[in-house]
Amino acid sequence: MSEPLKTINHEVIRAWIEARQGRPAVARTAAKGAMLRVDFGDQEDDLEPIEWQEFFTILDDNGLAFVHQDITAEGVPSRFNKFVERG
């Protein structure tokens, strides 16, 4: 199992998401506005697809970093990811 990694590199983020057949998305909430998410095609009705440019604008404008894991304990590609403050 690989340790979670943290990055703000757009190319690394896009490559990781696309390698897992994910797409950029947001969950729009009244309280928090647009919260970044990765849509893997699972049944999540509250996700709205967005373009990569909007995805990275939200990431940068909100000072967020992408935390992800490459490999699970079973040795398969992991989908674990979250968005955290860059600090």
PDB file of N, CA and C in Angstrom:
ATOM      1  N   MET A   1       0.849  -1.177   0.000  1.00  0.00           N
ATOM      2  CA  MET A   1       0.000   0.000   0.000  1.00  0.00           C
ATOM      3  C   MET A   1       0.892   1.237   0.000  1.00  0.00           C
ATOM      4  N   SER A   2       0.520   2.197  -0.808  1.00  0.00           N
ATOM      5  CA  SER A   2       1.293   3.429  -0.849  1.00  0.00           C
ATOM      6  C   SER A   2       0.701   4.445   0.122  1.00  0.00           C
ATOM      7  N   GLU A   3       1.573   5.302   0.610  1.00  0.00           N
ATOM      8  CA  GLU A   3       1.141   6.368   1.516  1.00  0.00           C
ATOM      9  C   GLU A   3       0.420   7.449   0.702  1.00  0.00           C
ATOM     10  N   PRO A   4      -0.530   8.148   1.295  1.00  0.00           N
ATOM     11  CA  PRO A   4      -1.179   9.246   0.581  1.00  0.00           C
ATOM     12  C   PRO A   4      -0.171  10.328   0.196  1.00  0.00           C
ATOM     13  N   LEU A   5      -0.352  10.882  -0.984  1.00  0.00           N
ATOM     14  CA  LEU A   5       0.508  11.929  -1.512  1.00  0.00           C
ATOM     15  C   LEU A   5      -0.303  13.213  -1.621  1.00  0.00           C
ATOM     16  N   LYS A   6       0.361  14.346  -1.524  1.00  0.00           N
ATOM     17  CA  LYS A   6      -0.309  15.640  -1.612  1.00  0.00           C
ATOM     18  C   LYS A   6       0.341  16.434  -2.737  1.00  0.00           C
ATOM     19  N   THR A   7      -0.487  17.005  -3.627  1.00  0.00           N
ATOM     20  CA  THR A   7       0.047  17.762  -4.749  1.00  0.00           C
ATOM     21  C   THR A   7      -0.894  18.903  -5.139  1.00  0.00           C
ATOM     22  N   ILE A   8      -0.311  19.903  -5.792  1.00  0.00           N
ATOM     23  CA  ILE A   8      -1.088  20.968  -6.416  1.00  0.00           C
ATOM     24  C   ILE A   8      -0.785  21.009  -7.914  1.00  0.00           C
ATOM     25  N   ASN A   9       0.020  20.075  -8.396  1.00  0.00           N
ATOM     26  CA  ASN A   9       0.425  20.015  -9.800  1.00  0.00           C
ATOM     27  C   ASN A   9      -0.759  19.555 -10.656  1.00  0.00           C
ATOM     28  N   HIS A  10      -1.222  20.430 -11.532  1.00  0.00           N
ATOM     29  CA  HIS A  10      -2.397  20.134 -12.354  1.00  0.00           C
ATOM     30  C   HIS A  10      -2.208  18.897 -13.220  1.00  0.00           C
ATOM     31  N   GLU A  11      -1.031  18.729 -13.797  1.00  0.00           N
ATOM     32  CA  GLU A  11      -0.781  17.582 -14.669  1.00  0.00           C
ATOM     33  C   GLU A  11      -0.833  16.270 -13.890  1.00  0.00           C
ATOM     34  N   VAL A  12      -0.269  16.252 -12.682  1.00  0.00           N
ATOM     35  CA  VAL A  12      -0.285  15.045 -11.842  1.00  0.00           C
ATOM     36  C   VAL A  12      -1.719  14.713 -11.439  1.00  0.00           C
ATOM     37  N   ILE A  13      -2.475  15.731 -11.043  1.00  0.00           N
ATOM     38  CA  ILE A  13      -3.859  15.518 -10.615  1.00  0.00           C
ATOM     39  C   ILE A  13      -4.689  14.963 -11.769  1.00  0.00           C
ATOM     40  N   ARG A  14      -4.608  15.601 -12.922  1.00  0.00           N
ATOM     41  CA  ARG A  14      -5.404  15.151 -14.070  1.00  0.00           C
ATOM     42  C   ARG A  14      -5.028  13.732 -14.485  1.00  0.00           C
ATOM     43  N   ALA A  15      -3.736  13.424 -14.515  1.00  0.00           N
ATOM     44  CA  ALA A  15      -3.290  12.084 -14.905  1.00  0.00           C
ATOM     45  C   ALA A  15      -3.808  11.028 -13.929  1.00  0.00           C
ATOM     46  N   TRP A  16      -3.754  11.317 -12.624  1.00  0.00           N
ATOM     47  CA  TRP A  16      -4.227  10.364 -11.610  1.00  0.00           C
ATOM     48  C   TRP A  16      -5.727  10.106 -11.794  1.00  0.00           C
ATOM     49  N   ILE A  17      -6.502  11.172 -11.960  1.00  0.00           N
ATOM     50  CA  ILE A  17      -7.957  11.042 -12.107  1.00  0.00           C
ATOM     51  C   ILE A  17      -8.304  10.289 -13.385  1.00  0.00           C
ATOM     52  N   GLU A  18      -7.697  10.669 -14.498  1.00  0.00           N
ATOM     53  CA  GLU A  18      -8.016  10.029 -15.776  1.00  0.00           C
ATOM     54  C   GLU A  18      -7.571   8.572 -15.818  1.00  0.00           C
ATOM     55  N   ALA A  19      -6.479   8.226 -15.137  1.00  0.00           N
ATOM     56  CA  ALA A  19      -6.013   6.840 -15.107  1.00  0.00           C
ATOM     57  C   ALA A  19      -7.022   5.919 -14.411  1.00  0.00           C
ATOM     58  N   ARG A  20      -7.909   6.519 -13.615  1.00  0.00           N
ATOM     59  CA  ARG A  20      -8.936   5.748 -12.890  1.00  0.00           C
ATOM     60  C   ARG A  20     -10.328   5.981 -13.481  1.00  0.00           C
ATOM     61  N   GLN A  21     -10.361   6.473 -14.715  1.00  0.00           N
ATOM     62  CA  GLN A  21     -11.589   6.769 -15.442  1.00  0.00           C
ATOM     63  C   GLN A  21     -12.488   7.752 -14.685  1.00  0.00           C
ATOM     64  N   GLY A  22     -11.869   8.669 -13.952  1.00  0.00           N
ATOM     65  CA  GLY A  22     -12.613   9.693 -13.240  1.00  0.00           C
ATOM     66  C   GLY A  22     -12.772  10.948 -14.078  1.00  0.00           C
ATOM     67  N   ARG A  23     -13.673  11.807 -13.619  1.00  0.00           N
ATOM     68  CA  ARG A  23     -13.943  13.072 -14.283  1.00  0.00           C
ATOM     69  C   ARG A  23     -14.059  14.170 -13.231  1.00  0.00           C
ATOM     70  N   PRO A  24     -13.693  15.400 -13.581  1.00  0.00           N
ATOM     71  CA  PRO A  24     -13.830  16.500 -12.629  1.00  0.00           C
ATOM     72  C   PRO A  24     -15.301  16.817 -12.399  1.00  0.00           C
ATOM     73  N   ALA A  25     -15.639  17.117 -11.136  1.00  0.00           N
ATOM     74  CA  ALA A  25     -17.025  17.408 -10.793  1.00  0.00           C
ATOM     75  C   ALA A  25     -17.064  18.290  -9.553  1.00  0.00           C
ATOM     76  N   VAL A  26     -18.253  18.821  -9.298  1.00  0.00           N
ATOM     77  CA  VAL A  26     -18.496  19.559  -8.062  1.00  0.00           C
ATOM     78  C   VAL A  26     -19.797  19.057  -7.452  1.00  0.00           C
ATOM     79  N   ALA A  27     -19.866  19.185  -6.146  1.00  0.00           N
ATOM     80  CA  ALA A  27     -21.116  18.981  -5.424  1.00  0.00           C
ATOM     81  C   ALA A  27     -21.524  20.369  -4.979  1.00  0.00           C
ATOM     82  N   ARG A  28     -22.633  20.843  -5.483  1.00  0.00           N
ATOM     83  CA  ARG A  28     -23.080  22.204  -5.149  1.00  0.00           C
ATOM     84  C   ARG A  28     -23.962  22.160  -3.909  1.00  0.00           C
ATOM     85  N   THR A  29     -23.569  22.933  -2.903  1.00  0.00           N
ATOM     86  CA  THR A  29     -24.357  23.016  -1.677  1.00  0.00           C
ATOM     87  C   THR A  29     -24.625  24.477  -1.369  1.00  0.00           C
ATOM     88  N   ALA A  30     -25.748  24.735  -0.769  1.00  0.00           N
ATOM     89  CA  ALA A  30     -26.102  26.114  -0.436  1.00  0.00           C
ATOM     90  C   ALA A  30     -25.133  26.704   0.575  1.00  0.00           C
ATOM     91  N   ALA A  31     -24.702  25.893   1.533  1.00  0.00           N
ATOM     92  CA  ALA A  31     -23.854  26.388   2.614  1.00  0.00           C
ATOM     93  C   ALA A  31     -22.414  26.635   2.165  1.00  0.00           C
ATOM     94  N   LYS A  32     -21.868  25.770   1.330  1.00  0.00           N
ATOM     95  CA  LYS A  32     -20.444  25.845   0.999  1.00  0.00           C
ATOM     96  C   LYS A  32     -20.152  26.164  -0.456  1.00  0.00           C
ATOM     97  N   GLY A  33     -21.175  26.355  -1.277  1.00  0.00           N
ATOM     98  CA  GLY A  33     -20.938  26.618  -2.690  1.00  0.00           C
ATOM     99  C   GLY A  33     -20.549  25.349  -3.423  1.00  0.00           C
ATOM    100  N   ALA A  34     -19.590  25.450  -4.346  1.00  0.00           N
ATOM    101  CA  ALA A  34     -19.156  24.300  -5.141  1.00  0.00           C
ATOM    102  C   ALA A  34     -17.984  23.603  -4.457  1.00  0.00           C
ATOM    103  N   MET A  35     -18.203  22.366  -4.075  1.00  0.00           N
ATOM    104  CA  MET A  35     -17.137  21.578  -3.444  1.00  0.00           C
ATOM    105  C   MET A  35     -16.573  20.611  -4.486  1.00  0.00           C
ATOM    106  N   LEU A  36     -15.251  20.642  -4.683  1.00  0.00           N
ATOM    107  CA  LEU A  36     -14.626  19.774  -5.681  1.00  0.00           C
ATOM    108  C   LEU A  36     -14.804  18.307  -5.327  1.00  0.00           C
ATOM    109  N   ARG A  37     -15.036  17.513  -6.362  1.00  0.00           N
ATOM    110  CA  ARG A  37     -15.156  16.071  -6.228  1.00  0.00           C
ATOM    111  C   ARG A  37     -14.582  15.427  -7.487  1.00  0.00           C
ATOM    112  N   VAL A  38     -14.329  14.123  -7.395  1.00  0.00           N
ATOM    113  CA  VAL A  38     -13.962  13.331  -8.560  1.00  0.00           C
ATOM    114  C   VAL A  38     -15.112  12.365  -8.785  1.00  0.00           C
ATOM    115  N   ASP A  39     -15.657  12.372 -10.002  1.00  0.00           N
ATOM    116  CA  ASP A  39     -16.770  11.494 -10.354  1.00  0.00           C
ATOM    117  C   ASP A  39     -16.215  10.262 -11.050  1.00  0.00           C
ATOM    118  N   PHE A  40     -16.379   9.108 -10.398  1.00  0.00           N
ATOM    119  CA  PHE A  40     -15.933   7.845 -10.975  1.00  0.00           C
ATOM    120  C   PHE A  40     -17.089   7.100 -11.638  1.00  0.00           C
ATOM    121  N   GLY A  41     -18.233   7.790 -11.808  1.00  0.00           N
ATOM    122  CA  GLY A  41     -19.370   7.159 -12.459  1.00  0.00           C
ATOM    123  C   GLY A  41     -20.258   6.388 -11.505  1.00  0.00           C
ATOM    124  N   ASP A  42     -19.966   6.451 -10.209  1.00  0.00           N
ATOM    125  CA  ASP A  42     -20.811   5.796  -9.223  1.00  0.00           C
ATOM    126  C   ASP A  42     -22.104   6.596  -9.085  1.00  0.00           C
ATOM    127  N   GLN A  43     -23.093   6.013  -8.477  1.00  0.00           N
ATOM    128  CA  GLN A  43     -24.390   6.658  -8.329  1.00  0.00           C
ATOM    129  C   GLN A  43     -24.351   7.756  -7.275  1.00  0.00           C
ATOM    130  N   GLU A  44     -23.944   8.925  -7.678  1.00  0.00           N
ATOM    131  CA  GLU A  44     -23.960  10.087  -6.803  1.00  0.00           C
ATOM    132  C   GLU A  44     -24.692  11.194  -7.545  1.00  0.00           C
ATOM    133  N   ASP A  45     -25.974  11.339  -7.246  1.00  0.00           N
ATOM    134  CA  ASP A  45     -26.816  12.266  -7.986  1.00  0.00           C
ATOM    135  C   ASP A  45     -26.445  13.724  -7.788  1.00  0.00           C
ATOM    136  N   ASP A  46     -25.773  14.043  -6.691  1.00  0.00           N
ATOM    137  CA  ASP A  46     -25.494  15.452  -6.409  1.00  0.00           C
ATOM    138  C   ASP A  46     -24.245  15.973  -7.114  1.00  0.00           C
ATOM    139  N   LEU A  47     -23.566  15.146  -7.911  1.00  0.00           N
ATOM    140  CA  LEU A  47     -22.360  15.596  -8.601  1.00  0.00           C
ATOM    141  C   LEU A  47     -22.700  16.207  -9.953  1.00  0.00           C
ATOM    142  N   GLU A  48     -22.053  17.325 -10.227  1.00  0.00           N
ATOM    143  CA  GLU A  48     -22.238  18.027 -11.494  1.00  0.00           C
ATOM    144  C   GLU A  48     -20.906  18.028 -12.231  1.00  0.00           C
ATOM    145  N   PRO A  49     -20.848  17.470 -13.446  1.00  0.00           N
ATOM    146  CA  PRO A  49     -19.597  17.476 -14.201  1.00  0.00           C
ATOM    147  C   PRO A  49     -19.171  18.902 -14.544  1.00  0.00           C
ATOM    148  N   ILE A  50     -17.861  19.145 -14.518  1.00  0.00           N
ATOM    149  CA  ILE A  50     -17.314  20.437 -14.917  1.00  0.00           C
ATOM    150  C   ILE A  50     -16.101  20.196 -15.810  1.00  0.00           C
ATOM    151  N   GLU A  51     -15.682  21.238 -16.495  1.00  0.00           N
ATOM    152  CA  GLU A  51     -14.500  21.150 -17.352  1.00  0.00           C
ATOM    153  C   GLU A  51     -13.242  21.237 -16.489  1.00  0.00           C
ATOM    154  N   TRP A  52     -12.134  20.735 -17.024  1.00  0.00           N
ATOM    155  CA  TRP A  52     -10.870  20.759 -16.286  1.00  0.00           C
ATOM    156  C   TRP A  52     -10.473  22.183 -15.899  1.00  0.00           C
ATOM    157  N   GLN A  53     -10.664  23.146 -16.794  1.00  0.00           N
ATOM    158  CA  GLN A  53     -10.274  24.530 -16.492  1.00  0.00           C
ATOM    159  C   GLN A  53     -11.003  25.045 -15.253  1.00  0.00           C
ATOM    160  N   GLU A  54     -12.314  24.794 -15.153  1.00  0.00           N
ATOM    161  CA  GLU A  54     -13.080  25.226 -13.980  1.00  0.00           C
ATOM    162  C   GLU A  54     -12.620  24.491 -12.725  1.00  0.00           C
ATOM    163  N   PHE A  55     -12.342  23.198 -12.866  1.00  0.00           N
ATOM    164  CA  PHE A  55     -11.874  22.370 -11.758  1.00  0.00           C
ATOM    165  C   PHE A  55     -10.601  22.966 -11.149  1.00  0.00           C
ATOM    166  N   PHE A  56      -9.628  23.285 -12.009  1.00  0.00           N
ATOM    167  CA  PHE A  56      -8.354  23.816 -11.514  1.00  0.00           C
ATOM    168  C   PHE A  56      -8.476  25.258 -11.032  1.00  0.00           C
ATOM    169  N   THR A  57      -9.397  26.028 -11.594  1.00  0.00           N
ATOM    170  CA  THR A  57      -9.647  27.384 -11.097  1.00  0.00           C
ATOM    171  C   THR A  57     -10.175  27.321  -9.668  1.00  0.00           C
ATOM    172  N   ILE A  58     -11.132  26.434  -9.409  1.00  0.00           N
ATOM    173  CA  ILE A  58     -11.679  26.273  -8.059  1.00  0.00           C
ATOM    174  C   ILE A  58     -10.586  25.802  -7.106  1.00  0.00           C
ATOM    175  N   LEU A  59      -9.778  24.833  -7.534  1.00  0.00           N
ATOM    176  CA  LEU A  59      -8.686  24.307  -6.705  1.00  0.00           C
ATOM    177  C   LEU A  59      -7.739  25.436  -6.301  1.00  0.00           C
ATOM    178  N   ASP A  60      -7.298  26.215  -7.274  1.00  0.00           N
ATOM    179  CA  ASP A  60      -6.318  27.271  -7.014  1.00  0.00           C
ATOM    180  C   ASP A  60      -6.928  28.450  -6.257  1.00  0.00           C
ATOM    181  N   ASP A  61      -8.119  28.882  -6.655  1.00  0.00           N
ATOM    182  CA  ASP A  61      -8.744  30.039  -6.010  1.00  0.00           C
ATOM    183  C   ASP A  61      -9.062  29.790  -4.540  1.00  0.00           C
ATOM    184  N   ASN A  62      -9.271  28.525  -4.188  1.00  0.00           N
ATOM    185  CA  ASN A  62      -9.600  28.177  -2.808  1.00  0.00           C
ATOM    186  C   ASN A  62      -8.401  27.666  -2.015  1.00  0.00           C
ATOM    187  N   GLY A  63      -7.206  27.714  -2.628  1.00  0.00           N
ATOM    188  CA  GLY A  63      -5.992  27.295  -1.929  1.00  0.00           C
ATOM    189  C   GLY A  63      -6.024  25.838  -1.512  1.00  0.00           C
ATOM    190  N   LEU A  64      -6.529  24.975  -2.413  1.00  0.00           N
ATOM    191  CA  LEU A  64      -6.652  23.557  -2.091  1.00  0.00           C
ATOM    192  C   LEU A  64      -5.520  22.739  -2.700  1.00  0.00           C
ATOM    193  N   ALA A  65      -5.252  21.601  -2.087  1.00  0.00           N
ATOM    194  CA  ALA A  65      -4.318  20.604  -2.602  1.00  0.00           C
ATOM    195  C   ALA A  65      -5.082  19.295  -2.754  1.00  0.00           C
ATOM    196  N   PHE A  66      -4.573  18.414  -3.596  1.00  0.00           N
ATOM    197  CA  PHE A  66      -5.183  17.114  -3.873  1.00  0.00           C
ATOM    198  C   PHE A  66      -4.384  16.040  -3.147  1.00  0.00           C
ATOM    199  N   VAL A  67      -5.032  15.320  -2.262  1.00  0.00           N
ATOM    200  CA  VAL A  67      -4.406  14.197  -1.555  1.00  0.00           C
ATOM    201  C   VAL A  67      -4.924  12.926  -2.202  1.00  0.00           C
ATOM    202  N   HIS A  68      -4.014  12.020  -2.535  1.00  0.00           N
ATOM    203  CA  HIS A  68      -4.420  10.788  -3.214  1.00  0.00           C
ATOM    204  C   HIS A  68      -3.488   9.639  -2.837  1.00  0.00           C
ATOM    205  N   GLN A  69      -3.979   8.438  -3.061  1.00  0.00           N
ATOM    206  CA  GLN A  69      -3.188   7.224  -2.827  1.00  0.00           C
ATOM    207  C   GLN A  69      -3.071   6.517  -4.171  1.00  0.00           C
ATOM    208  N   ASP A  70      -1.893   6.021  -4.478  1.00  0.00           N
ATOM    209  CA  ASP A  70      -1.699   5.355  -5.761  1.00  0.00           C
ATOM    210  C   ASP A  70      -2.132   3.894  -5.760  1.00  0.00           C
ATOM    211  N   ILE A  71      -1.735   3.145  -4.734  1.00  0.00           N
ATOM    212  CA  ILE A  71      -1.970   1.699  -4.694  1.00  0.00           C
ATOM    213  C   ILE A  71      -2.604   1.307  -3.356  1.00  0.00           C
ATOM    214  N   THR A  72      -3.589   0.407  -3.388  1.00  0.00           N
ATOM    215  CA  THR A  72      -4.221  -0.082  -2.158  1.00  0.00           C
ATOM    216  C   THR A  72      -3.363  -1.154  -1.505  1.00  0.00           C
ATOM    217  N   ALA A  73      -3.766  -1.603  -0.336  1.00  0.00           N
ATOM    218  CA  ALA A  73      -3.059  -2.679   0.362  1.00  0.00           C
ATOM    219  C   ALA A  73      -3.083  -3.973  -0.456  1.00  0.00           C
ATOM    220  N   GLU A  74      -4.110  -4.109  -1.307  1.00  0.00           N
ATOM    221  CA  GLU A  74      -4.230  -5.297  -2.160  1.00  0.00           C
ATOM    222  C   GLU A  74      -3.400  -5.194  -3.428  1.00  0.00           C
ATOM    223  N   GLY A  75      -2.751  -4.053  -3.628  1.00  0.00           N
ATOM    224  CA  GLY A  75      -1.883  -3.875  -4.784  1.00  0.00           C
ATOM    225  C   GLY A  75      -2.584  -3.412  -6.051  1.00  0.00           C
ATOM    226  N   VAL A  76      -3.793  -2.900  -5.923  1.00  0.00           N
ATOM    227  CA  VAL A  76      -4.519  -2.392  -7.089  1.00  0.00           C
ATOM    228  C   VAL A  76      -4.589  -0.870  -7.027  1.00  0.00           C
ATOM    229  N   PRO A  77      -4.821  -0.217  -8.169  1.00  0.00           N
ATOM    230  CA  PRO A  77      -4.911   1.247  -8.150  1.00  0.00           C
ATOM    231  C   PRO A  77      -6.006   1.719  -7.179  1.00  0.00           C
ATOM    232  N   SER A  78      -5.647   2.680  -6.379  1.00  0.00           N
ATOM    233  CA  SER A  78      -6.568   3.228  -5.380  1.00  0.00           C
ATOM    234  C   SER A  78      -7.341   4.401  -5.950  1.00  0.00           C
ATOM    235  N   ARG A  79      -8.576   4.578  -5.471  1.00  0.00           N
ATOM    236  CA  ARG A  79      -9.375   5.751  -5.818  1.00  0.00           C
ATOM    237  C   ARG A  79      -9.441   6.733  -4.647  1.00  0.00           C
ATOM    238  N   PHE A  80      -8.712   6.444  -3.575  1.00  0.00           N
ATOM    239  CA  PHE A  80      -8.756   7.329  -2.412  1.00  0.00           C
ATOM    240  C   PHE A  80      -8.245   8.711  -2.805  1.00  0.00           C
ATOM    241  N   ASN A  81      -9.062   9.728  -2.520  1.00  0.00           N
ATOM    242  CA  ASN A  81      -8.653  11.098  -2.760  1.00  0.00           C
ATOM    243  C   ASN A  81      -9.481  12.029  -1.907  1.00  0.00           C
ATOM    244  N   LYS A  82      -8.911  13.205  -1.641  1.00  0.00           N
ATOM    245  CA  LYS A  82      -9.650  14.266  -0.957  1.00  0.00           C
ATOM    246  C   LYS A  82      -8.955  15.579  -1.242  1.00  0.00           C
ATOM    247  N   PHE A  83      -9.673  16.646  -0.972  1.00  0.00           N
ATOM    248  CA  PHE A  83      -9.147  17.994  -1.171  1.00  0.00           C
ATOM    249  C   PHE A  83      -8.944  18.619   0.200  1.00  0.00           C
ATOM    250  N   VAL A  84      -7.751  19.188   0.411  1.00  0.00           N
ATOM    251  CA  VAL A  84      -7.395  19.768   1.689  1.00  0.00           C
ATOM    252  C   VAL A  84      -6.773  21.154   1.471  1.00  0.00           C
ATOM    253  N   GLU A  85      -6.685  21.919   2.541  1.00  0.00           N
ATOM    254  CA  GLU A  85      -5.996  23.203   2.453  1.00  0.00           C
ATOM    255  C   GLU A  85      -4.527  22.976   2.149  1.00  0.00           C
ATOM    256  N   ARG A  86      -3.941  23.872   1.391  1.00  0.00           N
ATOM    257  CA  ARG A  86      -2.544  23.712   0.988  1.00  0.00           C
ATOM    258  C   ARG A  86      -1.577  23.839   2.152  1.00  0.00           C
ATOM    259  N   GLY A  87      -1.921  24.630   3.145  1.00  0.00           N
ATOM    260  CA  GLY A  87      -1.028  24.895   4.268  1.00  0.00           C
ATOM    261  C   GLY A  87      -0.608  23.688   4.966  1.00  0.00           C
TER     262      GLY A  87
END
